[in-house]
Amino acid sequence: MPLTPAQPRTPYHRRTIECRGYCREDGLWDIEGHLVDTKSYDFDNLYRGKIAAGAPLHEMWIRLTIDEDFLVREVEVVTDAAPFVSCSDITGAFAALKGLRIGGGFNRKVREMFGGKNGCTHLVDLLGPMATTAYQTLYPIRERKASTSTSRERPKVIDTCHALAADGEVVRNQWPDFYAGPVPVENE
């Protein structure tokens, strides 16, 4: 169900973020993110001159190559459009993501590493959805492997959101051994 109809309005800014996950032939995974900011009007920019309506104010790309354990193996960052000439100077700093594992605390660590003058707000913003995309890309593969394993570890996805609460219906139905809610009373 979409949002309710809006009041009459005029568009001013659009940000699009697109993320994709790819399985590589070498067994690694590429997670790619693309961020584009546009305005609905022409405006002057000190460094680029006039930026036309619909032309990218920001256009940035990130590719993280990861393994099945979410370890970042390679990083590539490109800034195609930005409001300042020096914006692209920071892209090389993001190579420091190599060796970092996508998981709990990843976004916090990224903000620590690349917050403020040490990074680019837009690239940092893009890494959050990319982490989610990595998880969504690899989850089915990891689940398939886990379902054939004899290990009885608690699935890490439990308690990561409302729907996957340990005391909720989804966990009760999918992972009854890890269900932590009230036990339904059987009719006698």
N, C-alpha and C. Protein backbone atom coordinates (compact mmCIF):
# COMPACT_ATOMS: atom_id res chain seq x y z
N MET A 1 0.84 -1.17 0.00
CA MET A 1 0.00 0.00 0.00
C MET A 1 0.89 1.24 0.00
N PRO A 2 0.75 2.10 -0.96
CA PRO A 2 1.60 3.30 -1.02
C PRO A 2 1.17 4.34 0.02
N LEU A 3 1.96 5.40 0.12
CA LEU A 3 1.61 6.51 1.00
C LEU A 3 0.29 7.13 0.54
N THR A 4 -0.35 7.83 1.45
CA THR A 4 -1.58 8.54 1.09
C THR A 4 -1.23 9.66 0.12
N PRO A 5 -2.21 10.15 -0.64
CA PRO A 5 -1.93 11.25 -1.57
C PRO A 5 -1.37 12.47 -0.82
N ALA A 6 -0.37 13.12 -1.41
CA ALA A 6 0.29 14.26 -0.78
C ALA A 6 -0.44 15.55 -1.12
N GLN A 7 -0.16 16.57 -0.34
CA GLN A 7 -0.64 17.91 -0.65
C GLN A 7 0.05 18.39 -1.92
N PRO A 8 -0.52 19.35 -2.64
CA PRO A 8 0.18 19.89 -3.81
C PRO A 8 1.58 20.37 -3.42
N ARG A 9 2.54 20.06 -4.24
CA ARG A 9 3.94 20.36 -3.89
C ARG A 9 4.80 20.45 -5.13
N THR A 10 6.01 20.97 -4.94
CA THR A 10 6.97 21.14 -6.02
C THR A 10 8.24 20.36 -5.66
N PRO A 11 8.71 19.49 -6.54
CA PRO A 11 9.94 18.75 -6.23
C PRO A 11 11.17 19.68 -6.25
N TYR A 12 12.10 19.44 -5.34
CA TYR A 12 13.33 20.23 -5.26
C TYR A 12 14.58 19.36 -5.34
N HIS A 13 14.57 18.24 -4.66
CA HIS A 13 15.77 17.43 -4.56
C HIS A 13 15.39 15.96 -4.69
N ARG A 14 16.28 15.21 -5.35
CA ARG A 14 16.07 13.76 -5.47
C ARG A 14 17.39 13.07 -5.19
N ARG A 15 17.35 12.11 -4.31
CA ARG A 15 18.50 11.24 -4.07
C ARG A 15 18.09 9.83 -4.43
N THR A 16 18.88 9.19 -5.27
CA THR A 16 18.64 7.79 -5.58
C THR A 16 19.86 7.00 -5.13
N ILE A 17 19.58 5.90 -4.50
CA ILE A 17 20.62 4.97 -4.10
C ILE A 17 20.22 3.61 -4.65
N GLU A 18 21.12 3.05 -5.42
CA GLU A 18 20.89 1.72 -5.97
C GLU A 18 22.04 0.83 -5.53
N CYS A 19 21.68 -0.33 -5.00
CA CYS A 19 22.69 -1.29 -4.57
C CYS A 19 22.38 -2.64 -5.20
N ARG A 20 23.44 -3.34 -5.58
CA ARG A 20 23.29 -4.66 -6.20
C ARG A 20 24.35 -5.61 -5.67
N GLY A 21 23.97 -6.87 -5.56
CA GLY A 21 24.91 -7.91 -5.15
C GLY A 21 25.15 -8.88 -6.29
N TYR A 22 26.42 -9.25 -6.49
CA TYR A 22 26.81 -10.13 -7.59
C TYR A 22 27.68 -11.27 -7.06
N CYS A 23 27.44 -12.46 -7.59
CA CYS A 23 28.32 -13.60 -7.33
C CYS A 23 29.37 -13.62 -8.43
N ARG A 24 30.63 -13.63 -8.03
CA ARG A 24 31.72 -13.65 -9.00
C ARG A 24 32.11 -15.09 -9.32
N GLU A 25 32.74 -15.27 -10.46
CA GLU A 25 33.18 -16.61 -10.86
C GLU A 25 34.25 -17.17 -9.93
N ASP A 26 34.98 -16.28 -9.23
CA ASP A 26 36.05 -16.76 -8.35
C ASP A 26 35.56 -17.09 -6.94
N GLY A 27 34.23 -17.04 -6.72
CA GLY A 27 33.67 -17.40 -5.42
C GLY A 27 33.51 -16.21 -4.47
N LEU A 28 34.01 -15.05 -4.85
CA LEU A 28 33.81 -13.85 -4.04
C LEU A 28 32.53 -13.16 -4.49
N TRP A 29 32.19 -12.10 -3.80
CA TRP A 29 30.94 -11.38 -4.04
C TRP A 29 31.23 -9.90 -4.20
N ASP A 30 30.64 -9.27 -5.20
CA ASP A 30 30.74 -7.83 -5.39
C ASP A 30 29.43 -7.20 -4.94
N ILE A 31 29.53 -6.23 -4.07
CA ILE A 31 28.40 -5.43 -3.64
C ILE A 31 28.66 -4.02 -4.17
N GLU A 32 27.78 -3.56 -5.05
CA GLU A 32 27.99 -2.25 -5.67
C GLU A 32 26.89 -1.29 -5.26
N GLY A 33 27.31 -0.07 -4.96
CA GLY A 33 26.38 0.99 -4.61
C GLY A 33 26.60 2.20 -5.49
N HIS A 34 25.51 2.88 -5.81
CA HIS A 34 25.54 4.07 -6.68
C HIS A 34 24.60 5.10 -6.07
N LEU A 35 25.12 6.29 -5.80
CA LEU A 35 24.33 7.38 -5.22
C LEU A 35 24.32 8.54 -6.19
N VAL A 36 23.12 9.10 -6.44
CA VAL A 36 22.97 10.26 -7.31
C VAL A 36 22.04 11.25 -6.64
N ASP A 37 22.49 12.51 -6.52
CA ASP A 37 21.67 13.62 -6.05
C ASP A 37 21.44 14.56 -7.21
N THR A 38 20.18 14.96 -7.44
CA THR A 38 19.84 15.94 -8.47
C THR A 38 18.90 16.98 -7.89
N LYS A 39 18.85 18.12 -8.55
CA LYS A 39 17.92 19.20 -8.20
C LYS A 39 16.94 19.37 -9.36
N SER A 40 15.80 19.93 -9.08
CA SER A 40 14.79 20.13 -10.12
C SER A 40 14.90 21.50 -10.77
N TYR A 41 15.97 22.20 -10.50
CA TYR A 41 16.17 23.56 -11.01
C TYR A 41 17.64 23.77 -11.34
N ASP A 42 17.93 24.70 -12.21
CA ASP A 42 19.32 25.07 -12.51
C ASP A 42 19.86 25.89 -11.34
N PHE A 43 21.15 25.76 -11.07
CA PHE A 43 21.76 26.61 -10.04
C PHE A 43 23.25 26.77 -10.34
N ASP A 44 23.81 27.84 -9.82
CA ASP A 44 25.23 28.13 -10.02
C ASP A 44 26.06 27.44 -8.96
N ASN A 45 27.22 26.95 -9.39
CA ASN A 45 28.17 26.32 -8.49
C ASN A 45 29.52 26.97 -8.74
N LEU A 46 30.18 27.37 -7.68
CA LEU A 46 31.45 28.08 -7.80
C LEU A 46 32.49 27.28 -8.58
N TYR A 47 32.49 25.96 -8.45
CA TYR A 47 33.53 25.13 -9.06
C TYR A 47 33.13 24.55 -10.42
N ARG A 48 31.85 24.29 -10.61
CA ARG A 48 31.41 23.65 -11.84
C ARG A 48 30.63 24.58 -12.76
N GLY A 49 30.38 25.79 -12.33
CA GLY A 49 29.56 26.70 -13.13
C GLY A 49 28.09 26.38 -12.93
N LYS A 50 27.31 26.52 -13.95
CA LYS A 50 25.88 26.24 -13.84
C LYS A 50 25.65 24.73 -13.87
N ILE A 51 24.89 24.26 -12.89
CA ILE A 51 24.49 22.85 -12.88
C ILE A 51 23.02 22.82 -13.28
N ALA A 52 22.74 22.15 -14.37
CA ALA A 52 21.38 22.13 -14.93
C ALA A 52 20.47 21.23 -14.11
N ALA A 53 19.20 21.58 -14.12
CA ALA A 53 18.18 20.74 -13.47
C ALA A 53 18.31 19.31 -13.98
N GLY A 54 18.32 18.36 -13.06
CA GLY A 54 18.42 16.94 -13.42
C GLY A 54 19.84 16.43 -13.57
N ALA A 55 20.82 17.34 -13.67
CA ALA A 55 22.22 16.91 -13.76
C ALA A 55 22.70 16.52 -12.35
N PRO A 56 23.55 15.52 -12.23
CA PRO A 56 23.98 15.10 -10.90
C PRO A 56 24.80 16.18 -10.18
N LEU A 57 24.38 16.51 -8.99
CA LEU A 57 25.20 17.30 -8.08
C LEU A 57 26.23 16.37 -7.46
N HIS A 58 25.76 15.21 -7.03
CA HIS A 58 26.62 14.13 -6.54
C HIS A 58 26.34 12.89 -7.38
N GLU A 59 27.40 12.21 -7.77
CA GLU A 59 27.29 10.88 -8.38
C GLU A 59 28.51 10.10 -7.95
N MET A 60 28.25 9.06 -7.16
CA MET A 60 29.34 8.31 -6.53
C MET A 60 29.06 6.82 -6.60
N TRP A 61 30.13 6.07 -6.68
CA TRP A 61 30.06 4.61 -6.80
C TRP A 61 30.99 3.98 -5.77
N ILE A 62 30.56 2.85 -5.23
CA ILE A 62 31.44 2.03 -4.38
C ILE A 62 31.24 0.57 -4.78
N ARG A 63 32.34 -0.14 -4.88
CA ARG A 63 32.29 -1.61 -5.03
C ARG A 63 33.08 -2.21 -3.88
N LEU A 64 32.40 -3.05 -3.11
CA LEU A 64 33.07 -3.84 -2.07
C LEU A 64 33.10 -5.28 -2.55
N THR A 65 34.26 -5.87 -2.57
CA THR A 65 34.38 -7.29 -2.87
C THR A 65 34.54 -7.99 -1.53
N ILE A 66 33.62 -8.93 -1.25
CA ILE A 66 33.61 -9.60 0.05
C ILE A 66 33.61 -11.10 -0.14
N ASP A 67 33.93 -11.81 0.94
CA ASP A 67 33.81 -13.27 0.91
C ASP A 67 32.52 -13.67 1.63
N GLU A 68 32.27 -14.97 1.73
CA GLU A 68 31.01 -15.44 2.34
C GLU A 68 30.94 -15.16 3.83
N ASP A 69 32.03 -14.78 4.45
CA ASP A 69 32.03 -14.38 5.86
C ASP A 69 31.94 -12.87 6.02
N PHE A 70 31.60 -12.17 4.93
CA PHE A 70 31.40 -10.72 4.92
C PHE A 70 32.69 -9.93 5.15
N LEU A 71 33.82 -10.54 4.94
CA LEU A 71 35.09 -9.84 5.07
C LEU A 71 35.36 -9.06 3.79
N VAL A 72 35.63 -7.76 3.93
CA VAL A 72 35.90 -6.92 2.77
C VAL A 72 37.31 -7.24 2.26
N ARG A 73 37.38 -7.71 1.01
CA ARG A 73 38.65 -8.10 0.40
C ARG A 73 39.22 -7.00 -0.49
N GLU A 74 38.34 -6.27 -1.19
CA GLU A 74 38.77 -5.20 -2.09
C GLU A 74 37.75 -4.06 -2.02
N VAL A 75 38.22 -2.86 -2.33
CA VAL A 75 37.37 -1.67 -2.30
C VAL A 75 37.70 -0.81 -3.51
N GLU A 76 36.67 -0.33 -4.19
CA GLU A 76 36.86 0.65 -5.25
C GLU A 76 35.82 1.75 -5.05
N VAL A 77 36.26 3.00 -5.09
CA VAL A 77 35.38 4.16 -4.87
C VAL A 77 35.65 5.17 -5.97
N VAL A 78 34.58 5.68 -6.58
CA VAL A 78 34.70 6.67 -7.65
C VAL A 78 33.69 7.78 -7.40
N THR A 79 34.15 9.02 -7.55
CA THR A 79 33.26 10.17 -7.53
C THR A 79 33.24 10.77 -8.93
N ASP A 80 32.10 10.64 -9.61
CA ASP A 80 31.95 11.18 -10.96
C ASP A 80 31.48 12.62 -10.95
N ALA A 81 30.69 13.00 -9.94
CA ALA A 81 30.19 14.37 -9.85
C ALA A 81 30.12 14.77 -8.39
N ALA A 82 30.53 16.00 -8.10
CA ALA A 82 30.49 16.55 -6.74
C ALA A 82 30.52 18.07 -6.85
N PRO A 83 30.11 18.76 -5.80
CA PRO A 83 30.07 20.22 -5.87
C PRO A 83 31.45 20.88 -5.76
N PHE A 84 32.45 20.16 -5.28
CA PHE A 84 33.78 20.74 -5.08
C PHE A 84 34.82 19.87 -5.77
N VAL A 85 35.84 20.49 -6.32
CA VAL A 85 36.91 19.78 -7.01
C VAL A 85 37.58 18.78 -6.09
N SER A 86 37.76 19.15 -4.84
CA SER A 86 38.50 18.30 -3.90
C SER A 86 37.70 17.11 -3.36
N CYS A 87 36.42 17.02 -3.69
CA CYS A 87 35.61 15.91 -3.17
C CYS A 87 36.20 14.54 -3.50
N SER A 88 36.69 14.39 -4.70
CA SER A 88 37.20 13.08 -5.11
C SER A 88 38.56 12.76 -4.48
N ASP A 89 39.20 13.74 -3.84
CA ASP A 89 40.49 13.49 -3.22
C ASP A 89 40.42 12.46 -2.09
N ILE A 90 39.26 12.28 -1.49
CA ILE A 90 39.12 11.41 -0.33
C ILE A 90 38.80 9.96 -0.70
N THR A 91 38.49 9.70 -1.97
CA THR A 91 38.03 8.36 -2.33
C THR A 91 39.05 7.28 -1.99
N GLY A 92 40.34 7.58 -2.13
CA GLY A 92 41.37 6.59 -1.81
C GLY A 92 41.40 6.18 -0.35
N ALA A 93 40.96 7.06 0.53
CA ALA A 93 40.96 6.74 1.96
C ALA A 93 40.05 5.56 2.28
N PHE A 94 39.04 5.36 1.45
CA PHE A 94 38.08 4.29 1.71
C PHE A 94 38.68 2.90 1.50
N ALA A 95 39.89 2.83 0.97
CA ALA A 95 40.60 1.54 0.88
C ALA A 95 40.80 0.94 2.26
N ALA A 96 40.73 1.78 3.30
CA ALA A 96 40.89 1.29 4.68
C ALA A 96 39.76 0.36 5.09
N LEU A 97 38.70 0.26 4.29
CA LEU A 97 37.63 -0.69 4.57
C LEU A 97 38.10 -2.13 4.37
N LYS A 98 39.16 -2.29 3.60
CA LYS A 98 39.70 -3.63 3.34
C LYS A 98 40.09 -4.26 4.68
N GLY A 99 39.59 -5.47 4.90
CA GLY A 99 39.86 -6.18 6.15
C GLY A 99 38.77 -6.01 7.19
N LEU A 100 37.85 -5.10 6.96
CA LEU A 100 36.73 -4.89 7.87
C LEU A 100 35.65 -5.93 7.54
N ARG A 101 34.93 -6.37 8.56
CA ARG A 101 33.87 -7.35 8.36
C ARG A 101 32.52 -6.65 8.46
N ILE A 102 31.66 -6.90 7.48
CA ILE A 102 30.31 -6.35 7.52
C ILE A 102 29.51 -7.19 8.52
N GLY A 103 28.98 -6.54 9.51
CA GLY A 103 28.20 -7.21 10.55
C GLY A 103 27.81 -6.19 11.60
N GLY A 104 27.47 -6.68 12.77
CA GLY A 104 27.09 -5.79 13.86
C GLY A 104 28.16 -4.73 14.11
N GLY A 105 27.75 -3.47 14.18
CA GLY A 105 28.67 -2.38 14.43
C GLY A 105 29.37 -1.84 13.20
N PHE A 106 29.08 -2.40 12.02
CA PHE A 106 29.75 -1.96 10.80
C PHE A 106 29.51 -0.49 10.52
N ASN A 107 28.26 -0.05 10.59
CA ASN A 107 27.95 1.35 10.28
C ASN A 107 28.62 2.29 11.28
N ARG A 108 28.65 1.91 12.54
CA ARG A 108 29.31 2.73 13.57
C ARG A 108 30.80 2.84 13.27
N LYS A 109 31.42 1.73 12.91
CA LYS A 109 32.85 1.72 12.59
C LYS A 109 33.13 2.59 11.36
N VAL A 110 32.28 2.52 10.35
CA VAL A 110 32.45 3.35 9.15
C VAL A 110 32.39 4.83 9.53
N ARG A 111 31.43 5.20 10.38
CA ARG A 111 31.33 6.61 10.80
C ARG A 111 32.55 7.04 11.60
N GLU A 112 33.08 6.13 12.42
CA GLU A 112 34.30 6.45 13.18
C GLU A 112 35.48 6.68 12.23
N MET A 113 35.59 5.83 11.23
CA MET A 113 36.72 5.90 10.31
C MET A 113 36.63 7.08 9.35
N PHE A 114 35.42 7.37 8.87
CA PHE A 114 35.26 8.32 7.78
C PHE A 114 34.34 9.48 8.10
N GLY A 115 34.09 9.72 9.37
CA GLY A 115 33.25 10.85 9.76
C GLY A 115 33.99 12.16 9.62
N GLY A 116 33.22 13.23 9.45
CA GLY A 116 33.80 14.57 9.38
C GLY A 116 34.82 14.71 8.26
N LYS A 117 35.93 15.35 8.58
CA LYS A 117 36.95 15.66 7.56
C LYS A 117 37.71 14.43 7.08
N ASN A 118 37.50 13.28 7.71
CA ASN A 118 38.20 12.05 7.32
C ASN A 118 37.51 11.28 6.20
N GLY A 119 36.40 11.82 5.70
CA GLY A 119 35.69 11.07 4.68
C GLY A 119 34.75 11.94 3.88
N CYS A 120 33.70 11.33 3.41
CA CYS A 120 32.67 11.99 2.61
C CYS A 120 31.32 11.53 3.13
N THR A 121 30.50 12.46 3.54
CA THR A 121 29.18 12.13 4.09
C THR A 121 28.39 11.24 3.14
N HIS A 122 28.45 11.54 1.85
CA HIS A 122 27.64 10.81 0.88
C HIS A 122 28.13 9.37 0.70
N LEU A 123 29.43 9.17 0.68
CA LEU A 123 29.96 7.81 0.58
C LEU A 123 29.65 7.02 1.85
N VAL A 124 29.75 7.66 3.00
CA VAL A 124 29.39 7.01 4.26
C VAL A 124 27.91 6.62 4.23
N ASP A 125 27.06 7.54 3.75
CA ASP A 125 25.62 7.24 3.64
C ASP A 125 25.37 6.04 2.74
N LEU A 126 26.14 5.90 1.69
CA LEU A 126 25.96 4.81 0.73
C LEU A 126 26.37 3.46 1.33
N LEU A 127 27.33 3.45 2.22
CA LEU A 127 27.82 2.19 2.77
C LEU A 127 26.78 1.47 3.64
N GLY A 128 25.88 2.22 4.27
CA GLY A 128 24.84 1.57 5.08
C GLY A 128 23.94 0.66 4.25
N PRO A 129 23.32 1.20 3.19
CA PRO A 129 22.50 0.33 2.34
C PRO A 129 23.31 -0.78 1.66
N MET A 130 24.58 -0.53 1.41
CA MET A 130 25.41 -1.57 0.81
C MET A 130 25.61 -2.73 1.77
N ALA A 131 25.77 -2.43 3.06
CA ALA A 131 25.92 -3.49 4.06
C ALA A 131 24.65 -4.34 4.10
N THR A 132 23.50 -3.68 4.05
CA THR A 132 22.23 -4.41 4.02
C THR A 132 22.13 -5.26 2.76
N THR A 133 22.58 -4.71 1.64
CA THR A 133 22.56 -5.45 0.38
C THR A 133 23.47 -6.67 0.45
N ALA A 134 24.62 -6.53 1.09
CA ALA A 134 25.52 -7.67 1.25
C ALA A 134 24.81 -8.77 2.04
N TYR A 135 24.16 -8.38 3.10
CA TYR A 135 23.45 -9.36 3.92
C TYR A 135 22.34 -10.03 3.11
N GLN A 136 21.54 -9.24 2.41
CA GLN A 136 20.44 -9.80 1.61
C GLN A 136 20.97 -10.69 0.48
N THR A 137 22.12 -10.36 -0.06
CA THR A 137 22.71 -11.15 -1.14
C THR A 137 23.18 -12.51 -0.63
N LEU A 138 23.86 -12.51 0.50
CA LEU A 138 24.47 -13.74 1.00
C LEU A 138 23.59 -14.57 1.94
N TYR A 139 22.57 -13.97 2.50
CA TYR A 139 21.74 -14.69 3.48
C TYR A 139 21.21 -16.02 2.94
N PRO A 140 20.60 -16.05 1.73
CA PRO A 140 20.08 -17.33 1.25
C PRO A 140 21.17 -18.40 1.09
N ILE A 141 22.33 -18.00 0.67
CA ILE A 141 23.43 -18.95 0.47
C ILE A 141 23.89 -19.49 1.81
N ARG A 142 24.05 -18.60 2.78
CA ARG A 142 24.48 -19.01 4.12
C ARG A 142 23.41 -19.86 4.80
N GLU A 143 22.14 -19.52 4.61
CA GLU A 143 21.05 -20.30 5.19
C GLU A 143 21.01 -21.71 4.62
N ARG A 144 21.20 -21.82 3.30
CA ARG A 144 21.21 -23.13 2.66
C ARG A 144 22.31 -24.00 3.24
N LYS A 145 23.49 -23.41 3.42
CA LYS A 145 24.60 -24.16 4.01
C LYS A 145 24.31 -24.53 5.46
N ALA A 146 23.72 -23.61 6.20
CA ALA A 146 23.41 -23.87 7.61
C ALA A 146 22.36 -24.97 7.74
N SER A 147 21.41 -25.03 6.80
CA SER A 147 20.35 -26.03 6.90
C SER A 147 20.87 -27.44 6.64
N THR A 148 22.00 -27.57 5.96
CA THR A 148 22.58 -28.89 5.73
C THR A 148 23.61 -29.24 6.79
N SER A 149 23.90 -28.30 7.67
CA SER A 149 24.87 -28.53 8.73
C SER A 149 24.19 -29.21 9.91
N THR A 150 24.97 -29.94 10.68
CA THR A 150 24.44 -30.58 11.89
C THR A 150 24.54 -29.66 13.10
N SER A 151 25.12 -28.51 12.92
CA SER A 151 25.25 -27.54 14.01
C SER A 151 23.88 -27.02 14.43
N ARG A 152 23.68 -26.81 15.70
CA ARG A 152 22.42 -26.30 16.22
C ARG A 152 22.62 -24.91 16.81
N GLU A 153 23.39 -24.07 16.14
CA GLU A 153 23.60 -22.70 16.60
C GLU A 153 22.35 -21.87 16.41
N ARG A 154 22.15 -20.94 17.31
CA ARG A 154 21.02 -20.02 17.21
C ARG A 154 21.23 -19.14 15.97
N PRO A 155 20.26 -19.06 15.06
CA PRO A 155 20.41 -18.22 13.88
C PRO A 155 20.66 -16.76 14.28
N LYS A 156 21.65 -16.15 13.65
CA LYS A 156 22.03 -14.78 14.00
C LYS A 156 20.95 -13.77 13.67
N VAL A 157 20.03 -14.13 12.80
CA VAL A 157 18.98 -13.22 12.38
C VAL A 157 17.93 -13.00 13.48
N ILE A 158 17.88 -13.89 14.44
CA ILE A 158 16.90 -13.76 15.52
C ILE A 158 17.19 -12.50 16.33
N ASP A 159 16.14 -11.75 16.60
CA ASP A 159 16.16 -10.49 17.35
C ASP A 159 16.80 -9.32 16.60
N THR A 160 16.92 -9.44 15.27
CA THR A 160 17.47 -8.31 14.51
C THR A 160 16.40 -7.33 14.08
N CYS A 161 15.13 -7.70 14.22
CA CYS A 161 14.03 -6.77 13.92
C CYS A 161 12.77 -7.28 14.61
N HIS A 162 11.72 -6.50 14.55
CA HIS A 162 10.45 -6.84 15.21
C HIS A 162 9.91 -8.19 14.73
N ALA A 163 9.90 -8.40 13.42
CA ALA A 163 9.33 -9.63 12.87
C ALA A 163 10.13 -10.87 13.28
N LEU A 164 11.42 -10.69 13.57
CA LEU A 164 12.28 -11.84 13.92
C LEU A 164 12.59 -11.90 15.41
N ALA A 165 11.70 -11.34 16.23
CA ALA A 165 11.88 -11.38 17.69
C ALA A 165 11.85 -12.82 18.16
N ALA A 166 12.70 -13.14 19.12
CA ALA A 166 12.80 -14.50 19.65
C ALA A 166 11.47 -14.99 20.21
N ASP A 167 10.63 -14.08 20.65
CA ASP A 167 9.33 -14.47 21.21
C ASP A 167 8.18 -14.29 20.21
N GLY A 168 8.52 -14.17 18.93
CA GLY A 168 7.51 -13.93 17.91
C GLY A 168 7.13 -15.16 17.11
N GLU A 169 6.09 -14.96 16.32
CA GLU A 169 5.52 -16.05 15.52
C GLU A 169 6.50 -16.61 14.49
N VAL A 170 7.29 -15.75 13.83
CA VAL A 170 8.21 -16.22 12.79
C VAL A 170 9.23 -17.18 13.40
N VAL A 171 9.83 -16.80 14.53
CA VAL A 171 10.82 -17.68 15.17
C VAL A 171 10.13 -18.95 15.67
N ARG A 172 8.93 -18.81 16.24
CA ARG A 172 8.21 -20.00 16.72
C ARG A 172 8.00 -20.99 15.59
N ASN A 173 7.70 -20.49 14.37
CA ASN A 173 7.43 -21.39 13.24
C ASN A 173 8.69 -21.86 12.53
N GLN A 174 9.67 -20.98 12.36
CA GLN A 174 10.87 -21.35 11.59
C GLN A 174 11.97 -21.99 12.42
N TRP A 175 12.14 -21.53 13.65
CA TRP A 175 13.21 -22.05 14.52
C TRP A 175 12.64 -22.34 15.90
N PRO A 176 11.75 -23.32 16.00
CA PRO A 176 11.08 -23.58 17.28
C PRO A 176 12.04 -23.86 18.43
N ASP A 177 13.21 -24.41 18.15
CA ASP A 177 14.18 -24.68 19.21
C ASP A 177 14.71 -23.40 19.85
N PHE A 178 14.56 -22.27 19.17
CA PHE A 178 15.09 -21.00 19.67
C PHE A 178 13.98 -20.02 20.04
N TYR A 179 12.76 -20.49 20.01
CA TYR A 179 11.61 -19.67 20.38
C TYR A 179 11.66 -19.37 21.88
N ALA A 180 11.48 -18.10 22.23
CA ALA A 180 11.59 -17.70 23.64
C ALA A 180 10.29 -17.10 24.19
N GLY A 181 9.19 -17.30 23.50
CA GLY A 181 7.91 -16.74 23.95
C GLY A 181 7.11 -17.75 24.73
N PRO A 182 5.88 -17.36 25.06
CA PRO A 182 5.02 -18.27 25.79
C PRO A 182 4.67 -19.50 24.96
N VAL A 183 4.60 -20.62 25.59
CA VAL A 183 4.28 -21.86 24.92
C VAL A 183 2.76 -21.91 24.77
N PRO A 184 2.27 -22.09 23.53
CA PRO A 184 0.83 -22.16 23.33
C PRO A 184 0.23 -23.35 24.08
N VAL A 185 -0.91 -23.14 24.69
CA VAL A 185 -1.59 -24.22 25.43
C VAL A 185 -2.43 -25.01 24.44
N GLU A 186 -2.21 -26.31 24.43
CA GLU A 186 -2.97 -27.20 23.55
C GLU A 186 -4.37 -27.36 24.09
N ASN A 187 -5.37 -27.47 23.20
CA ASN A 187 -6.74 -27.76 23.63
C ASN A 187 -6.81 -29.18 24.15
N GLU A 188 -7.49 -29.33 25.26
CA GLU A 188 -7.55 -30.67 25.86
C GLU A 188 -8.69 -31.47 25.34
